[in-house]
């Protein structure tokens, strides 16, 4: 009887399969986690680039003078064009950069920086300086949702870019 037990104990056939069964769930979670976070970083980068482009676009618009701590663009369509720059990459519209990143996710504000001759360089001697602030709040939904991160099915991506208005 002891010979059979010793033979069974030394037999390694099927050991790799048993080890794979133990390791496979962990490897699956790691694999899909890499995919999820790769998508997350890609989508965040697309939103960052869109918001940056939009703020730069708004910073080039002709501006009315600062009054009451805010300013406004001369063009009545500048805000819609800025939202299109953020979400579509061009002022006239086009295809969305991301399927779930829409104009409603973009907010454009027009504060004025009170200079009071405190700044030097190109802003020296200027009064209030118009600033374009573009903010995007996008809800990223994980492809595998609750399977990898129980209780966290979506993640808000908030991106803000500020650009001084230099006009044209």
N, C-alpha and C. Protein backbone atom coordinates (compact mmCIF):
# COMPACT_ATOMS: atom_id res chain seq x y z
N UNK A 1 0.81 -1.18 0.00
CA UNK A 1 0.00 0.00 0.00
C UNK A 1 0.86 1.26 0.00
N UNK A 2 1.93 1.25 0.74
CA UNK A 2 2.79 2.42 0.80
C UNK A 2 3.45 2.69 -0.55
N UNK A 3 3.64 1.67 -1.36
CA UNK A 3 4.22 1.87 -2.68
C UNK A 3 3.26 2.66 -3.57
N UNK A 4 1.98 2.35 -3.48
CA UNK A 4 1.00 3.09 -4.27
C UNK A 4 0.92 4.55 -3.83
N UNK A 5 0.96 4.81 -2.55
CA UNK A 5 0.92 6.19 -2.04
C UNK A 5 2.16 6.95 -2.49
N UNK A 6 3.30 6.31 -2.41
CA UNK A 6 4.54 6.97 -2.86
C UNK A 6 4.49 7.24 -4.35
N UNK A 7 3.99 6.32 -5.13
CA UNK A 7 3.88 6.53 -6.57
C UNK A 7 2.91 7.67 -6.87
N UNK A 8 1.78 7.70 -6.16
CA UNK A 8 0.81 8.77 -6.37
C UNK A 8 1.41 10.13 -5.97
N UNK A 9 2.16 10.15 -4.88
CA UNK A 9 2.74 11.39 -4.38
C UNK A 9 3.79 11.93 -5.35
N UNK A 10 4.51 11.07 -6.03
CA UNK A 10 5.55 11.48 -6.98
C UNK A 10 5.01 11.80 -8.36
N UNK A 11 3.79 11.38 -8.63
CA UNK A 11 3.20 11.61 -9.95
C UNK A 11 2.84 13.09 -10.09
N UNK A 12 3.42 13.78 -11.09
CA UNK A 12 3.19 15.21 -11.29
C UNK A 12 2.25 15.49 -12.45
N UNK A 13 1.66 14.51 -13.04
CA UNK A 13 0.75 14.76 -14.15
C UNK A 13 -0.49 15.49 -13.61
N UNK A 14 -0.86 16.56 -14.31
CA UNK A 14 -2.01 17.35 -13.89
C UNK A 14 -1.65 18.47 -12.92
N UNK A 15 -0.41 18.59 -12.50
CA UNK A 15 -0.02 19.64 -11.55
C UNK A 15 -0.15 21.01 -12.19
N UNK A 16 0.23 21.12 -13.46
CA UNK A 16 0.13 22.41 -14.15
C UNK A 16 -1.33 22.84 -14.27
N UNK A 17 -2.21 21.92 -14.54
CA UNK A 17 -3.63 22.25 -14.64
C UNK A 17 -4.17 22.73 -13.29
N UNK A 18 -3.77 22.09 -12.24
CA UNK A 18 -4.23 22.51 -10.91
C UNK A 18 -3.70 23.89 -10.56
N UNK A 19 -2.45 24.16 -10.89
CA UNK A 19 -1.88 25.49 -10.63
C UNK A 19 -2.58 26.55 -11.47
N UNK A 20 -2.92 26.21 -12.71
CA UNK A 20 -3.61 27.15 -13.58
C UNK A 20 -5.00 27.48 -13.04
N UNK A 21 -5.68 26.50 -12.51
CA UNK A 21 -7.00 26.72 -11.92
C UNK A 21 -6.90 27.68 -10.74
N UNK A 22 -5.83 27.60 -9.99
CA UNK A 22 -5.65 28.49 -8.84
C UNK A 22 -5.27 29.91 -9.26
N UNK A 23 -4.50 30.06 -10.32
CA UNK A 23 -3.97 31.36 -10.74
C UNK A 23 -4.88 32.08 -11.73
N UNK A 24 -5.69 31.35 -12.49
CA UNK A 24 -6.50 31.93 -13.55
C UNK A 24 -7.43 33.06 -13.10
N UNK A 25 -8.15 32.97 -12.00
CA UNK A 25 -9.00 34.10 -11.59
C UNK A 25 -8.19 35.37 -11.35
N UNK A 26 -7.07 35.26 -10.71
CA UNK A 26 -6.22 36.43 -10.47
C UNK A 26 -5.73 37.02 -11.79
N UNK A 27 -5.25 36.19 -12.69
CA UNK A 27 -4.77 36.67 -13.99
C UNK A 27 -5.88 37.32 -14.81
N UNK A 28 -7.09 36.79 -14.71
CA UNK A 28 -8.22 37.36 -15.43
C UNK A 28 -8.53 38.76 -14.92
N UNK A 29 -8.55 38.93 -13.61
CA UNK A 29 -8.81 40.25 -13.03
C UNK A 29 -7.71 41.23 -13.44
N UNK A 30 -6.47 40.82 -13.40
CA UNK A 30 -5.37 41.69 -13.79
C UNK A 30 -5.49 42.07 -15.27
N UNK A 31 -5.78 41.11 -16.12
CA UNK A 31 -5.90 41.36 -17.56
C UNK A 31 -7.00 42.37 -17.86
N UNK A 32 -8.20 42.14 -17.32
CA UNK A 32 -9.30 43.06 -17.58
C UNK A 32 -9.09 44.40 -16.87
N UNK A 33 -8.41 44.40 -15.75
CA UNK A 33 -8.06 45.66 -15.09
C UNK A 33 -7.13 46.51 -15.94
N UNK A 34 -6.18 45.87 -16.60
CA UNK A 34 -5.27 46.60 -17.49
C UNK A 34 -6.07 47.21 -18.65
N UNK A 35 -6.99 46.46 -19.19
CA UNK A 35 -7.83 46.98 -20.28
C UNK A 35 -8.66 48.17 -19.80
N UNK A 36 -9.31 48.02 -18.64
CA UNK A 36 -10.15 49.10 -18.11
C UNK A 36 -9.36 50.36 -17.85
N UNK A 37 -8.24 50.25 -17.16
CA UNK A 37 -7.48 51.45 -16.82
C UNK A 37 -6.78 52.03 -18.04
N UNK A 38 -6.47 51.21 -19.01
CA UNK A 38 -5.95 51.73 -20.28
C UNK A 38 -6.99 52.58 -20.98
N UNK A 39 -8.24 52.10 -21.01
CA UNK A 39 -9.33 52.89 -21.59
C UNK A 39 -9.56 54.17 -20.80
N UNK A 40 -9.51 54.06 -19.47
CA UNK A 40 -9.72 55.23 -18.62
C UNK A 40 -8.67 56.30 -18.90
N UNK A 41 -7.41 55.92 -18.95
CA UNK A 41 -6.34 56.89 -19.20
C UNK A 41 -6.45 57.47 -20.61
N UNK A 42 -6.81 56.66 -21.58
CA UNK A 42 -6.99 57.15 -22.94
C UNK A 42 -8.11 58.18 -23.00
N UNK A 43 -9.26 57.84 -22.43
CA UNK A 43 -10.40 58.75 -22.47
C UNK A 43 -10.12 60.03 -21.69
N UNK A 44 -9.44 59.93 -20.56
CA UNK A 44 -9.07 61.13 -19.80
C UNK A 44 -8.15 62.02 -20.63
N UNK A 45 -7.20 61.42 -21.33
CA UNK A 45 -6.29 62.19 -22.18
C UNK A 45 -7.05 62.89 -23.31
N UNK A 46 -8.04 62.23 -23.89
CA UNK A 46 -8.85 62.85 -24.95
C UNK A 46 -9.62 64.04 -24.39
N UNK A 47 -10.19 63.91 -23.21
CA UNK A 47 -10.93 65.02 -22.59
C UNK A 47 -9.98 66.17 -22.26
N UNK A 48 -8.80 65.88 -21.74
CA UNK A 48 -7.82 66.92 -21.42
C UNK A 48 -7.43 67.69 -22.67
N UNK A 49 -7.14 66.98 -23.74
CA UNK A 49 -6.75 67.65 -24.99
C UNK A 49 -7.90 68.49 -25.54
N UNK A 50 -9.12 67.98 -25.46
CA UNK A 50 -10.26 68.74 -25.96
C UNK A 50 -10.49 70.01 -25.16
N UNK A 51 -10.40 69.93 -23.85
CA UNK A 51 -10.60 71.11 -23.00
C UNK A 51 -9.48 72.12 -23.23
N UNK A 52 -8.26 71.65 -23.36
CA UNK A 52 -7.15 72.55 -23.63
C UNK A 52 -7.32 73.27 -24.97
N UNK A 53 -7.70 72.53 -26.00
CA UNK A 53 -7.94 73.14 -27.31
C UNK A 53 -9.07 74.16 -27.25
N UNK A 54 -10.12 73.83 -26.52
CA UNK A 54 -11.26 74.73 -26.40
C UNK A 54 -10.88 76.02 -25.67
N UNK A 55 -10.11 75.91 -24.60
CA UNK A 55 -9.70 77.11 -23.86
C UNK A 55 -8.79 77.99 -24.73
N UNK A 56 -7.91 77.36 -25.47
CA UNK A 56 -7.05 78.14 -26.37
C UNK A 56 -7.87 78.83 -27.45
N UNK A 57 -8.88 78.13 -27.95
CA UNK A 57 -9.76 78.72 -28.96
C UNK A 57 -10.48 79.93 -28.38
N UNK A 58 -11.05 79.77 -27.18
CA UNK A 58 -11.76 80.89 -26.56
C UNK A 58 -10.81 82.03 -26.22
N UNK A 59 -9.58 81.71 -25.89
CA UNK A 59 -8.59 82.74 -25.60
C UNK A 59 -8.22 83.58 -26.80
N UNK A 60 -8.53 83.11 -28.00
CA UNK A 60 -8.23 83.85 -29.22
C UNK A 60 -9.42 84.66 -29.73
N UNK A 61 -10.57 84.56 -29.06
CA UNK A 61 -11.76 85.28 -29.50
C UNK A 61 -11.67 86.75 -29.10
N UNK A 62 -12.23 87.59 -29.92
CA UNK A 62 -12.29 89.01 -29.60
C UNK A 62 -13.21 89.20 -28.40
N UNK A 63 -12.75 89.97 -27.41
CA UNK A 63 -13.48 90.08 -26.16
C UNK A 63 -13.98 91.49 -25.91
N UNK A 64 -15.14 91.57 -25.28
CA UNK A 64 -15.62 92.84 -24.75
C UNK A 64 -14.83 93.13 -23.48
N UNK A 65 -14.76 94.36 -23.10
CA UNK A 65 -13.99 94.75 -21.92
C UNK A 65 -14.56 94.12 -20.65
N UNK A 66 -13.69 93.94 -19.67
CA UNK A 66 -14.12 93.41 -18.38
C UNK A 66 -15.03 94.41 -17.69
N UNK A 67 -16.14 93.91 -17.20
CA UNK A 67 -17.08 94.76 -16.47
C UNK A 67 -17.71 93.92 -15.37
N UNK A 68 -17.59 94.35 -14.15
CA UNK A 68 -18.19 93.64 -13.04
C UNK A 68 -17.54 92.29 -12.76
N UNK A 69 -16.27 92.15 -13.11
CA UNK A 69 -15.54 90.92 -12.82
C UNK A 69 -15.66 89.85 -13.89
N UNK A 70 -16.41 90.12 -14.97
CA UNK A 70 -16.51 89.17 -16.07
C UNK A 70 -16.38 89.89 -17.40
N UNK A 71 -16.23 89.11 -18.44
CA UNK A 71 -16.19 89.65 -19.80
C UNK A 71 -17.03 88.74 -20.68
N UNK A 72 -17.21 89.11 -21.93
CA UNK A 72 -17.95 88.25 -22.85
C UNK A 72 -17.30 88.33 -24.22
N UNK A 73 -17.42 87.26 -24.98
CA UNK A 73 -16.88 87.30 -26.34
C UNK A 73 -17.76 88.17 -27.23
N UNK A 74 -17.16 88.81 -28.22
CA UNK A 74 -17.92 89.65 -29.15
C UNK A 74 -18.85 88.78 -30.00
N UNK A 75 -18.34 87.65 -30.46
CA UNK A 75 -19.13 86.73 -31.29
C UNK A 75 -20.18 86.02 -30.44
N UNK A 76 -21.41 86.00 -30.93
CA UNK A 76 -22.49 85.33 -30.22
C UNK A 76 -22.40 83.80 -30.30
N UNK A 77 -21.61 83.29 -31.23
CA UNK A 77 -21.50 81.83 -31.40
C UNK A 77 -20.23 81.27 -30.78
N UNK A 78 -19.43 82.10 -30.14
CA UNK A 78 -18.12 81.67 -29.62
C UNK A 78 -18.25 80.56 -28.59
N UNK A 79 -19.26 80.63 -27.73
CA UNK A 79 -19.39 79.61 -26.69
C UNK A 79 -19.74 78.24 -27.30
N UNK A 80 -20.68 78.22 -28.25
CA UNK A 80 -21.04 76.96 -28.91
C UNK A 80 -19.85 76.41 -29.70
N UNK A 81 -19.09 77.29 -30.33
CA UNK A 81 -17.90 76.86 -31.08
C UNK A 81 -16.85 76.30 -30.13
N UNK A 82 -16.72 76.91 -28.96
CA UNK A 82 -15.76 76.43 -27.96
C UNK A 82 -16.17 75.04 -27.47
N UNK A 83 -17.45 74.84 -27.22
CA UNK A 83 -17.92 73.51 -26.81
C UNK A 83 -17.65 72.48 -27.90
N UNK A 84 -17.85 72.87 -29.17
CA UNK A 84 -17.54 71.97 -30.28
C UNK A 84 -16.05 71.66 -30.34
N UNK A 85 -15.21 72.64 -30.05
CA UNK A 85 -13.76 72.40 -30.04
C UNK A 85 -13.41 71.35 -28.99
N UNK A 86 -14.05 71.43 -27.84
CA UNK A 86 -13.75 70.47 -26.77
C UNK A 86 -14.23 69.07 -27.13
N UNK A 87 -15.44 68.96 -27.65
CA UNK A 87 -16.04 67.64 -27.85
C UNK A 87 -15.79 67.05 -29.23
N UNK A 88 -15.54 67.92 -30.21
CA UNK A 88 -15.42 67.44 -31.59
C UNK A 88 -14.10 67.77 -32.27
N UNK A 89 -13.35 68.72 -31.72
CA UNK A 89 -12.05 69.04 -32.28
C UNK A 89 -12.06 70.13 -33.34
N UNK A 90 -13.22 70.67 -33.67
CA UNK A 90 -13.31 71.77 -34.62
C UNK A 90 -14.53 72.63 -34.28
N UNK A 91 -14.44 73.94 -34.52
CA UNK A 91 -15.53 74.83 -34.10
C UNK A 91 -16.85 74.58 -34.81
N UNK A 92 -16.80 74.08 -36.03
CA UNK A 92 -18.02 73.90 -36.81
C UNK A 92 -18.77 72.62 -36.46
N UNK A 93 -18.21 71.76 -35.64
CA UNK A 93 -18.86 70.50 -35.28
C UNK A 93 -18.11 69.33 -35.87
N UNK A 94 -18.81 68.24 -36.07
CA UNK A 94 -18.18 67.04 -36.61
C UNK A 94 -18.44 65.85 -35.70
N UNK A 95 -17.58 64.86 -35.81
CA UNK A 95 -17.72 63.63 -35.04
C UNK A 95 -17.21 63.83 -33.62
N UNK A 96 -17.92 63.28 -32.65
CA UNK A 96 -17.49 63.37 -31.26
C UNK A 96 -16.16 62.66 -31.05
N UNK A 97 -15.30 63.27 -30.23
CA UNK A 97 -14.03 62.63 -29.88
C UNK A 97 -14.27 61.34 -29.11
N UNK A 98 -15.22 61.36 -28.20
CA UNK A 98 -15.66 60.19 -27.44
C UNK A 98 -17.18 60.13 -27.55
N UNK A 99 -17.72 58.94 -27.64
CA UNK A 99 -19.15 58.79 -27.82
C UNK A 99 -19.99 59.37 -26.70
N UNK A 100 -19.43 59.50 -25.52
CA UNK A 100 -20.20 59.99 -24.37
C UNK A 100 -19.75 61.37 -23.90
N UNK A 101 -18.93 62.06 -24.66
CA UNK A 101 -18.44 63.41 -24.32
C UNK A 101 -19.17 64.41 -25.21
N UNK A 102 -20.23 65.02 -24.66
CA UNK A 102 -21.09 65.91 -25.43
C UNK A 102 -20.93 67.36 -24.99
N UNK A 103 -21.51 68.27 -25.79
CA UNK A 103 -21.42 69.70 -25.48
C UNK A 103 -22.01 70.03 -24.12
N UNK A 104 -22.99 69.28 -23.67
CA UNK A 104 -23.61 69.54 -22.37
C UNK A 104 -22.63 69.28 -21.22
N UNK A 105 -21.56 68.55 -21.47
CA UNK A 105 -20.56 68.27 -20.43
C UNK A 105 -19.54 69.40 -20.28
N UNK A 106 -19.62 70.41 -21.15
CA UNK A 106 -18.62 71.48 -21.17
C UNK A 106 -19.24 72.78 -20.65
N UNK A 107 -18.52 73.47 -19.78
CA UNK A 107 -18.95 74.78 -19.28
C UNK A 107 -17.85 75.79 -19.55
N UNK A 108 -18.22 76.96 -20.04
CA UNK A 108 -17.26 78.02 -20.33
C UNK A 108 -17.62 79.21 -19.46
N UNK A 109 -16.65 79.72 -18.72
CA UNK A 109 -16.86 80.91 -17.90
C UNK A 109 -15.85 81.97 -18.29
N UNK A 110 -16.17 83.21 -17.95
CA UNK A 110 -15.38 84.36 -18.39
C UNK A 110 -15.02 85.28 -17.23
N UNK A 111 -14.18 84.84 -16.31
CA UNK A 111 -13.78 85.75 -15.22
C UNK A 111 -12.73 86.75 -15.69
N UNK A 112 -12.55 87.78 -14.89
CA UNK A 112 -11.49 88.75 -15.14
C UNK A 112 -10.51 88.70 -13.99
N UNK A 113 -9.24 88.70 -14.31
CA UNK A 113 -8.20 88.76 -13.30
C UNK A 113 -7.92 90.22 -13.00
N UNK A 114 -8.09 90.60 -11.75
CA UNK A 114 -7.86 91.99 -11.37
C UNK A 114 -6.35 92.20 -11.30
N UNK A 115 -5.85 93.01 -12.20
CA UNK A 115 -4.40 93.20 -12.31
C UNK A 115 -3.91 94.23 -11.29
N UNK A 116 -4.47 95.42 -11.31
CA UNK A 116 -4.02 96.46 -10.40
C UNK A 116 -2.54 96.77 -10.54
N UNK A 117 -2.00 96.62 -11.74
CA UNK A 117 -0.58 96.86 -12.05
C UNK A 117 0.36 95.99 -11.23
N UNK A 118 -0.12 94.87 -10.72
CA UNK A 118 0.72 93.97 -9.93
C UNK A 118 1.53 93.04 -10.83
N UNK A 119 1.03 92.78 -12.03
CA UNK A 119 1.72 91.87 -12.93
C UNK A 119 2.74 92.61 -13.79
N UNK A 120 3.77 91.90 -14.16
CA UNK A 120 4.81 92.49 -15.01
C UNK A 120 4.81 91.79 -16.36
N UNK A 121 5.71 92.18 -17.20
CA UNK A 121 5.81 91.58 -18.52
C UNK A 121 4.75 92.12 -19.45
N UNK A 122 4.13 91.26 -20.25
CA UNK A 122 3.14 91.72 -21.23
C UNK A 122 1.89 92.25 -20.56
N UNK A 123 1.65 91.92 -19.30
CA UNK A 123 0.46 92.39 -18.60
C UNK A 123 0.70 93.67 -17.79
N UNK A 124 1.92 94.17 -17.80
CA UNK A 124 2.24 95.36 -17.02
C UNK A 124 1.47 96.56 -17.55
N UNK A 125 0.84 97.29 -16.65
CA UNK A 125 0.10 98.48 -17.01
C UNK A 125 -1.30 98.21 -17.52
N UNK A 126 -1.67 96.96 -17.65
CA UNK A 126 -3.02 96.64 -18.11
C UNK A 126 -3.98 96.65 -16.94
N UNK A 127 -5.23 96.89 -17.25
CA UNK A 127 -6.28 96.81 -16.23
C UNK A 127 -6.62 95.35 -15.99
N UNK A 128 -7.89 95.09 -15.87
CA UNK A 128 -8.33 93.71 -15.66
C UNK A 128 -8.04 92.87 -16.90
N UNK A 129 -7.67 91.61 -16.69
CA UNK A 129 -7.29 90.72 -17.78
C UNK A 129 -8.37 89.67 -17.95
N UNK A 130 -8.97 89.58 -19.15
CA UNK A 130 -10.00 88.55 -19.36
C UNK A 130 -9.37 87.16 -19.43
N UNK A 131 -10.01 86.23 -18.75
CA UNK A 131 -9.55 84.84 -18.68
C UNK A 131 -10.67 83.94 -19.19
N UNK A 132 -10.32 82.96 -20.01
CA UNK A 132 -11.29 81.95 -20.46
C UNK A 132 -11.05 80.69 -19.63
N UNK A 133 -12.09 80.19 -19.00
CA UNK A 133 -12.00 78.96 -18.20
C UNK A 133 -12.97 77.94 -18.80
N UNK A 134 -12.42 76.83 -19.26
CA UNK A 134 -13.25 75.76 -19.83
C UNK A 134 -13.17 74.57 -18.89
N UNK A 135 -14.34 74.07 -18.50
CA UNK A 135 -14.44 72.95 -17.58
C UNK A 135 -15.27 71.84 -18.22
N UNK A 136 -14.79 70.63 -18.14
CA UNK A 136 -15.56 69.48 -18.64
C UNK A 136 -15.74 68.49 -17.49
N UNK A 137 -16.96 68.03 -17.32
CA UNK A 137 -17.27 67.00 -16.34
C UNK A 137 -17.90 65.84 -17.09
N UNK A 138 -17.15 64.78 -17.23
CA UNK A 138 -17.58 63.62 -18.02
C UNK A 138 -17.66 62.42 -17.09
N UNK A 139 -18.72 61.64 -17.23
CA UNK A 139 -18.87 60.43 -16.42
C UNK A 139 -18.36 59.24 -17.21
N UNK A 140 -17.27 58.65 -16.73
CA UNK A 140 -16.67 57.48 -17.37
C UNK A 140 -17.31 56.24 -16.76
N UNK A 141 -17.85 55.39 -17.60
CA UNK A 141 -18.45 54.14 -17.15
C UNK A 141 -17.53 52.99 -17.50
N UNK A 142 -17.19 52.19 -16.52
CA UNK A 142 -16.31 51.06 -16.76
C UNK A 142 -17.00 50.02 -17.63
N UNK A 143 -16.25 49.44 -18.54
CA UNK A 143 -16.78 48.45 -19.45
C UNK A 143 -17.26 47.20 -18.69
N UNK A 144 -16.51 46.82 -17.68
CA UNK A 144 -16.86 45.62 -16.93
C UNK A 144 -17.56 45.95 -15.61
N UNK A 145 -17.76 47.24 -15.34
CA UNK A 145 -18.55 47.71 -14.22
C UNK A 145 -18.27 47.05 -12.89
N UNK A 146 -19.31 46.50 -12.31
CA UNK A 146 -19.22 45.92 -10.97
C UNK A 146 -18.39 44.65 -10.89
N UNK A 147 -18.01 44.08 -12.02
CA UNK A 147 -17.23 42.84 -11.97
C UNK A 147 -15.84 43.06 -11.40
N UNK A 148 -15.20 44.19 -11.76
CA UNK A 148 -13.85 44.45 -11.28
C UNK A 148 -13.82 45.37 -10.07
N UNK A 149 -14.71 46.35 -10.05
CA UNK A 149 -14.75 47.30 -8.94
C UNK A 149 -16.15 47.32 -8.35
N UNK A 150 -16.47 46.40 -7.48
CA UNK A 150 -17.82 46.35 -6.92
C UNK A 150 -18.20 47.66 -6.23
N UNK A 151 -19.36 48.18 -6.60
CA UNK A 151 -19.85 49.41 -5.99
C UNK A 151 -19.37 50.68 -6.67
N UNK A 152 -18.49 50.59 -7.66
CA UNK A 152 -17.99 51.78 -8.36
C UNK A 152 -18.22 51.59 -9.86
N UNK A 153 -19.47 51.73 -10.33
CA UNK A 153 -19.74 51.50 -11.74
C UNK A 153 -19.35 52.64 -12.66
N UNK A 154 -19.12 53.85 -12.14
CA UNK A 154 -18.72 54.98 -12.98
C UNK A 154 -17.78 55.89 -12.21
N UNK A 155 -17.09 56.74 -12.96
CA UNK A 155 -16.08 57.61 -12.36
C UNK A 155 -16.17 58.98 -13.02
N UNK A 156 -16.32 60.06 -12.26
CA UNK A 156 -16.37 61.39 -12.89
C UNK A 156 -14.97 61.86 -13.27
N UNK A 157 -14.84 62.32 -14.50
CA UNK A 157 -13.59 62.92 -14.97
C UNK A 157 -13.83 64.42 -15.06
N UNK A 158 -13.13 65.19 -14.26
CA UNK A 158 -13.29 66.64 -14.24
C UNK A 158 -11.98 67.27 -14.70
N UNK A 159 -12.07 68.08 -15.76
CA UNK A 159 -10.88 68.71 -16.33
C UNK A 159 -11.15 70.20 -16.45
N UNK A 160 -10.21 71.03 -16.02
CA UNK A 160 -10.33 72.48 -16.09
C UNK A 160 -9.07 73.03 -16.75
N UNK A 161 -9.27 73.95 -17.70
CA UNK A 161 -8.12 74.62 -18.31
C UNK A 161 -8.42 76.11 -18.36
N UNK A 162 -7.44 76.91 -17.99
CA UNK A 162 -7.57 78.37 -17.96
C UNK A 162 -6.64 78.98 -18.97
N UNK A 163 -7.14 79.97 -19.71
CA UNK A 163 -6.35 80.59 -20.76
C UNK A 163 -6.63 82.09 -20.75
N UNK A 164 -5.60 82.94 -20.67
CA UNK A 164 -5.85 84.38 -20.79
C UNK A 164 -6.32 84.71 -22.19
N UNK A 165 -7.24 85.67 -22.27
CA UNK A 165 -7.74 86.07 -23.58
C UNK A 165 -6.78 87.08 -24.20
N UNK A 166 -6.29 86.75 -25.38
CA UNK A 166 -5.39 87.65 -26.09
C UNK A 166 -6.04 88.25 -27.31
N UNK A 167 -7.26 87.79 -27.63
CA UNK A 167 -7.98 88.31 -28.78
C UNK A 167 -7.28 88.00 -30.08
N UNK A 168 -7.71 88.66 -31.13
CA UNK A 168 -7.07 88.44 -32.43
C UNK A 168 -6.47 89.69 -32.96
